[in-house]
C-alpha atoms as a PDB file:
ATOM      1  CA  UNK A   1      23.147   8.892  -6.955  1.00  0.00           C
ATOM      2  CA  UNK A   2      20.154   7.973  -4.808  1.00  0.00           C
ATOM      3  CA  UNK A   3      20.599   5.191  -2.260  1.00  0.00           C
ATOM      4  CA  UNK A   4      18.819   1.913  -3.019  1.00  0.00           C
ATOM      5  CA  UNK A   5      15.405   1.621  -1.448  1.00  0.00           C
ATOM      6  CA  UNK A   6      16.158  -1.816   0.008  1.00  0.00           C
ATOM      7  CA  UNK A   7      19.490  -3.623   0.303  1.00  0.00           C
ATOM      8  CA  UNK A   8      20.399  -5.913  -2.601  1.00  0.00           C
ATOM      9  CA  UNK A   9      20.614  -8.777  -0.116  1.00  0.00           C
ATOM     10  CA  UNK A  10      16.965  -8.344   0.951  1.00  0.00           C
ATOM     11  CA  UNK A  11      14.356 -10.338  -0.931  1.00  0.00           C
ATOM     12  CA  UNK A  12      10.969  -8.657  -0.620  1.00  0.00           C
ATOM     13  CA  UNK A  13       8.298 -11.149   0.448  1.00  0.00           C
ATOM     14  CA  UNK A  14       5.774 -12.058  -2.223  1.00  0.00           C
ATOM     15  CA  UNK A  15       3.180 -13.293   0.293  1.00  0.00           C
ATOM     16  CA  UNK A  16       2.200 -12.865   3.911  1.00  0.00           C
ATOM     17  CA  UNK A  17      -0.203 -15.032   5.872  1.00  0.00           C
ATOM     18  CA  UNK A  18      -1.416 -13.263   9.007  1.00  0.00           C
ATOM     19  CA  UNK A  19      -4.465 -13.235  11.269  1.00  0.00           C
ATOM     20  CA  UNK A  20      -7.470 -12.311   9.101  1.00  0.00           C
ATOM     21  CA  UNK A  21      -5.298 -11.550   6.045  1.00  0.00           C
ATOM     22  CA  UNK A  22      -3.437 -13.031   3.139  1.00  0.00           C
ATOM     23  CA  UNK A  23      -1.163 -10.598   1.249  1.00  0.00           C
ATOM     24  CA  UNK A  24       0.070 -11.186  -2.288  1.00  0.00           C
ATOM     25  CA  UNK A  25       1.895  -9.007  -4.790  1.00  0.00           C
ATOM     26  CA  UNK A  26      -0.557  -6.544  -6.337  1.00  0.00           C
ATOM     27  CA  UNK A  27      -0.801  -7.284 -10.053  1.00  0.00           C
ATOM     28  CA  UNK A  28      -3.329  -7.472 -12.863  1.00  0.00           C
ATOM     29  CA  UNK A  29      -4.330 -11.079 -12.127  1.00  0.00           C
ATOM     30  CA  UNK A  30      -6.532  -9.707  -9.322  1.00  0.00           C
ATOM     31  CA  UNK A  31      -7.857  -6.785 -11.361  1.00  0.00           C
ATOM     32  CA  UNK A  32     -11.559  -7.613 -11.145  1.00  0.00           C
ATOM     33  CA  UNK A  33     -11.532  -8.294  -7.399  1.00  0.00           C
ATOM     34  CA  UNK A  34      -9.359  -5.227  -6.743  1.00  0.00           C
ATOM     35  CA  UNK A  35     -11.566  -3.017  -8.921  1.00  0.00           C
ATOM     36  CA  UNK A  36     -14.701  -4.152  -7.105  1.00  0.00           C
ATOM     37  CA  UNK A  37     -13.071  -3.447  -3.720  1.00  0.00           C
ATOM     38  CA  UNK A  38     -11.868   0.013  -4.795  1.00  0.00           C
ATOM     39  CA  UNK A  39     -15.128   1.093  -6.374  1.00  0.00           C
ATOM     40  CA  UNK A  40     -17.235  -0.226  -3.477  1.00  0.00           C
ATOM     41  CA  UNK A  41     -15.296   2.140  -1.212  1.00  0.00           C
ATOM     42  CA  UNK A  42     -14.452   4.907  -3.666  1.00  0.00           C
ATOM     43  CA  UNK A  43     -15.832   7.836  -1.658  1.00  0.00           C
ATOM     44  CA  UNK A  44     -13.954   6.972   1.548  1.00  0.00           C
ATOM     45  CA  UNK A  45     -10.720   6.211  -0.304  1.00  0.00           C
ATOM     46  CA  UNK A  46     -10.453   9.730  -1.753  1.00  0.00           C
ATOM     47  CA  UNK A  47      -7.341  11.290  -0.265  1.00  0.00           C
ATOM     48  CA  UNK A  48      -5.831   8.024   0.995  1.00  0.00           C
ATOM     49  CA  UNK A  49      -2.564   9.124  -0.666  1.00  0.00           C
ATOM     50  CA  UNK A  50      -2.885  12.689   0.569  1.00  0.00           C
ATOM     51  CA  UNK A  51      -5.248  15.637   0.450  1.00  0.00           C
ATOM     52  CA  UNK A  52      -4.371  16.418  -3.175  1.00  0.00           C
ATOM     53  CA  UNK A  53      -4.864  12.887  -4.480  1.00  0.00           C
ATOM     54  CA  UNK A  54      -7.782  12.245  -6.807  1.00  0.00           C
ATOM     55  CA  UNK A  55      -7.510   8.453  -6.624  1.00  0.00           C
ATOM     56  CA  UNK A  56      -9.780   6.669  -7.100  1.00  0.00           C
ATOM     57  CA  UNK A  57     -11.680   8.643  -9.690  1.00  0.00           C
ATOM     58  CA  UNK A  58     -15.413   7.988  -9.676  1.00  0.00           C
ATOM     59  CA  UNK A  59     -15.300   7.070 -13.370  1.00  0.00           C
ATOM     60  CA  UNK A  60     -12.215   4.829 -13.188  1.00  0.00           C
ATOM     61  CA  UNK A  61     -12.553   1.945 -15.637  1.00  0.00           C
ATOM     62  CA  UNK A  62     -11.430  -1.648 -15.224  1.00  0.00           C
ATOM     63  CA  UNK A  63      -8.906  -0.996 -18.016  1.00  0.00           C
ATOM     64  CA  UNK A  64      -7.392   1.894 -16.047  1.00  0.00           C
ATOM     65  CA  UNK A  65      -7.252  -0.327 -12.987  1.00  0.00           C
ATOM     66  CA  UNK A  66      -5.472  -3.065 -14.943  1.00  0.00           C
ATOM     67  CA  UNK A  67      -2.894  -0.550 -16.207  1.00  0.00           C
ATOM     68  CA  UNK A  68      -2.309   0.701 -12.651  1.00  0.00           C
ATOM     69  CA  UNK A  69      -1.857  -2.827 -11.338  1.00  0.00           C
ATOM     70  CA  UNK A  70       0.650  -3.567 -14.090  1.00  0.00           C
ATOM     71  CA  UNK A  71       2.675  -0.530 -12.956  1.00  0.00           C
ATOM     72  CA  UNK A  72       2.610  -1.787  -9.359  1.00  0.00           C
ATOM     73  CA  UNK A  73       3.864  -5.203 -10.485  1.00  0.00           C
ATOM     74  CA  UNK A  74       6.692  -3.602 -12.524  1.00  0.00           C
ATOM     75  CA  UNK A  75       7.702  -1.445  -9.530  1.00  0.00           C
ATOM     76  CA  UNK A  76       7.790  -4.566  -7.357  1.00  0.00           C
ATOM     77  CA  UNK A  77       9.952  -6.466  -9.839  1.00  0.00           C
ATOM     78  CA  UNK A  78      12.364  -3.525 -10.173  1.00  0.00           C
ATOM     79  CA  UNK A  79      12.432  -3.081  -6.350  1.00  0.00           C
ATOM     80  CA  UNK A  80      11.241   0.547  -6.576  1.00  0.00           C
ATOM     81  CA  UNK A  81       8.061   0.074  -4.518  1.00  0.00           C
ATOM     82  CA  UNK A  82       6.107  -2.824  -3.052  1.00  0.00           C
ATOM     83  CA  UNK A  83       2.337  -3.107  -3.312  1.00  0.00           C
ATOM     84  CA  UNK A  84       0.220  -5.941  -1.996  1.00  0.00           C
ATOM     85  CA  UNK A  85      -3.386  -7.032  -2.386  1.00  0.00           C
ATOM     86  CA  UNK A  86      -4.954  -7.844   0.934  1.00  0.00           C
ATOM     87  CA  UNK A  87      -7.306 -10.811   0.775  1.00  0.00           C
ATOM     88  CA  UNK A  88      -9.538 -12.494   3.283  1.00  0.00           C
ATOM     89  CA  UNK A  89      -8.325 -15.683   4.916  1.00  0.00           C
ATOM     90  CA  UNK A  90     -10.300 -17.642   2.338  1.00  0.00           C
ATOM     91  CA  UNK A  91      -8.491 -15.695  -0.443  1.00  0.00           C
ATOM     92  CA  UNK A  92     -11.760 -15.072  -2.301  1.00  0.00           C
ATOM     93  CA  UNK A  93     -12.392 -11.445  -1.306  1.00  0.00           C
ATOM     94  CA  UNK A  94     -10.078  -8.511  -1.878  1.00  0.00           C
ATOM     95  CA  UNK A  95     -10.185  -6.547   1.367  1.00  0.00           C
ATOM     96  CA  UNK A  96      -7.807  -3.745   0.341  1.00  0.00           C
ATOM     97  CA  UNK A  97      -4.195  -2.942  -0.453  1.00  0.00           C
ATOM     98  CA  UNK A  98      -0.866  -2.030   1.135  1.00  0.00           C
ATOM     99  CA  UNK A  99       1.731   0.202  -0.569  1.00  0.00           C
ATOM    100  CA  UNK A 100       5.336   0.436   0.648  1.00  0.00           C
ATOM    101  CA  UNK A 101       7.217   3.271  -1.041  1.00  0.00           C
ATOM    102  CA  UNK A 102      10.602   4.865  -0.596  1.00  0.00           C
ATOM    103  CA  UNK A 103      10.128   7.871   1.643  1.00  0.00           C
ATOM    104  CA  UNK A 104       9.989  11.335   0.159  1.00  0.00           C
ATOM    105  CA  UNK A 105      11.431  12.581   3.470  1.00  0.00           C
ATOM    106  CA  UNK A 106      15.031  11.920   4.518  1.00  0.00           C
ATOM    107  CA  UNK A 107      13.711  11.448   8.071  1.00  0.00           C
ATOM    108  CA  UNK A 108      12.080   8.123   7.137  1.00  0.00           C
ATOM    109  CA  UNK A 109      13.125   5.071   5.122  1.00  0.00           C
ATOM    110  CA  UNK A 110       9.702   4.235   3.766  1.00  0.00           C
ATOM    111  CA  UNK A 111       6.202   5.597   3.623  1.00  0.00           C
ATOM    112  CA  UNK A 112       3.285   3.236   3.801  1.00  0.00           C
ATOM    113  CA  UNK A 113      -0.318   3.578   2.698  1.00  0.00           C
ATOM    114  CA  UNK A 114      -3.077   1.062   3.250  1.00  0.00           C
ATOM    115  CA  UNK A 115      -6.795   0.775   2.914  1.00  0.00           C
ATOM    116  CA  UNK A 116      -9.639  -1.609   3.647  1.00  0.00           C
ATOM    117  CA  UNK A 117     -12.916  -1.771   1.757  1.00  0.00           C
ATOM    118  CA  UNK A 118     -15.973  -0.231   3.418  1.00  0.00           C
ATOM    119  CA  UNK A 119     -17.692  -3.508   4.324  1.00  0.00           C
ATOM    120  CA  UNK A 120     -14.530  -4.642   6.166  1.00  0.00           C
ATOM    121  CA  UNK A 121     -13.652  -1.341   7.845  1.00  0.00           C
ATOM    122  CA  UNK A 122     -13.650  -3.009  11.265  1.00  0.00           C
ATOM    123  CA  UNK A 123     -10.388  -4.708  10.165  1.00  0.00           C
ATOM    124  CA  UNK A 124      -8.565  -1.436   9.417  1.00  0.00           C
ATOM    125  CA  UNK A 125      -6.797  -1.119  12.794  1.00  0.00           C
ATOM    126  CA  UNK A 126      -5.848  -4.802  12.646  1.00  0.00           C
ATOM    127  CA  UNK A 127      -4.418  -4.309   9.146  1.00  0.00           C
ATOM    128  CA  UNK A 128      -2.421  -1.266  10.260  1.00  0.00           C
ATOM    129  CA  UNK A 129      -0.957  -3.171  13.223  1.00  0.00           C
ATOM    130  CA  UNK A 130      -0.231  -6.232  11.067  1.00  0.00           C
ATOM    131  CA  UNK A 131       1.627  -4.120   8.502  1.00  0.00           C
ATOM    132  CA  UNK A 132       3.544  -2.175  11.156  1.00  0.00           C
ATOM    133  CA  UNK A 133       4.667  -5.373  12.920  1.00  0.00           C
ATOM    134  CA  UNK A 134       5.582  -7.017   9.608  1.00  0.00           C
ATOM    135  CA  UNK A 135       7.701  -4.075   8.500  1.00  0.00           C
ATOM    136  CA  UNK A 136       9.441  -3.783  11.878  1.00  0.00           C
ATOM    137  CA  UNK A 137      10.150  -7.508  12.193  1.00  0.00           C
ATOM    138  CA  UNK A 138      10.793  -8.684   8.626  1.00  0.00           C
ATOM    139  CA  UNK A 139      11.831  -5.695   6.528  1.00  0.00           C
ATOM    140  CA  UNK A 140      15.054  -3.647   6.709  1.00  0.00           C
ATOM    141  CA  UNK A 141      13.315  -0.484   7.954  1.00  0.00           C
ATOM    142  CA  UNK A 142      13.630   1.265  11.295  1.00  0.00           C
ATOM    143  CA  UNK A 143      12.012   4.612  10.386  1.00  0.00           C
ATOM    144  CA  UNK A 144       8.544   4.038   8.933  1.00  0.00           C
ATOM    145  CA  UNK A 145       6.028   6.767   8.101  1.00  0.00           C
ATOM    146  CA  UNK A 146       2.323   6.174   7.692  1.00  0.00           C
ATOM    147  CA  UNK A 147       1.249   9.559   6.274  1.00  0.00           C
ATOM    148  CA  UNK A 148      -2.302  10.353   7.291  1.00  0.00           C
ATOM    149  CA  UNK A 149      -2.068   7.826  10.148  1.00  0.00           C
ATOM    150  CA  UNK A 150       1.028   7.906  12.374  1.00  0.00           C
ATOM    151  CA  UNK A 151       1.889  11.367  11.046  1.00  0.00           C
ATOM    152  CA  UNK A 152      -0.773  13.903  10.127  1.00  0.00           C
ATOM    153  CA  UNK A 153      -1.005  15.187   6.559  1.00  0.00           C
ATOM    154  CA  UNK A 154      -0.195  18.658   7.890  1.00  0.00           C
ATOM    155  CA  UNK A 155       3.005  17.430   9.548  1.00  0.00           C
ATOM    156  CA  UNK A 156       3.888  15.260   6.536  1.00  0.00           C
ATOM    157  CA  UNK A 157       3.663  18.332   4.303  1.00  0.00           C
ATOM    158  CA  UNK A 158       6.274  20.026   6.547  1.00  0.00           C
ATOM    159  CA  UNK A 159       8.752  17.137   6.171  1.00  0.00           C
ATOM    160  CA  UNK A 160      11.789  17.967   4.021  1.00  0.00           C
ATOM    161  CA  UNK A 161      11.695  16.216   0.639  1.00  0.00           C
ATOM    162  CA  UNK A 162      14.631  14.267  -0.779  1.00  0.00           C
ATOM    163  CA  UNK A 163      13.364  13.679  -4.306  1.00  0.00           C
END
């Protein structure tokens, strides 16, 4: 039997207020704002989940986006994975997303993906550092992988897989 992703005693945060950012659970209530952010940055986001990823497809519909967001919400509620919408301080613009998944490699506890929309790309390093600090200080993880960032895709592909 596979070990739980997070301890039963840990309650995953539903929000985070940080410099420049406001995180909230990614769900279909933000579908239109999320869709606009994704599609405005679609070309650059190709491969954000790895070289073989085709997300986001250039012809992705709002309905497909809603279905995807509903899956993220269900994963959050079942404690399988944790996805967050990243909003501006004013909470009126979706700047991107953060995804915290159980690691495919036994050498890490979680793998994290994040993105920022093109017109806010100057905030990408700040978002990465915010997420890293948050995970280290407030989550039960000590071994965190950021595939494509802190570990190259080539090296990530060499990691042993546990699922």
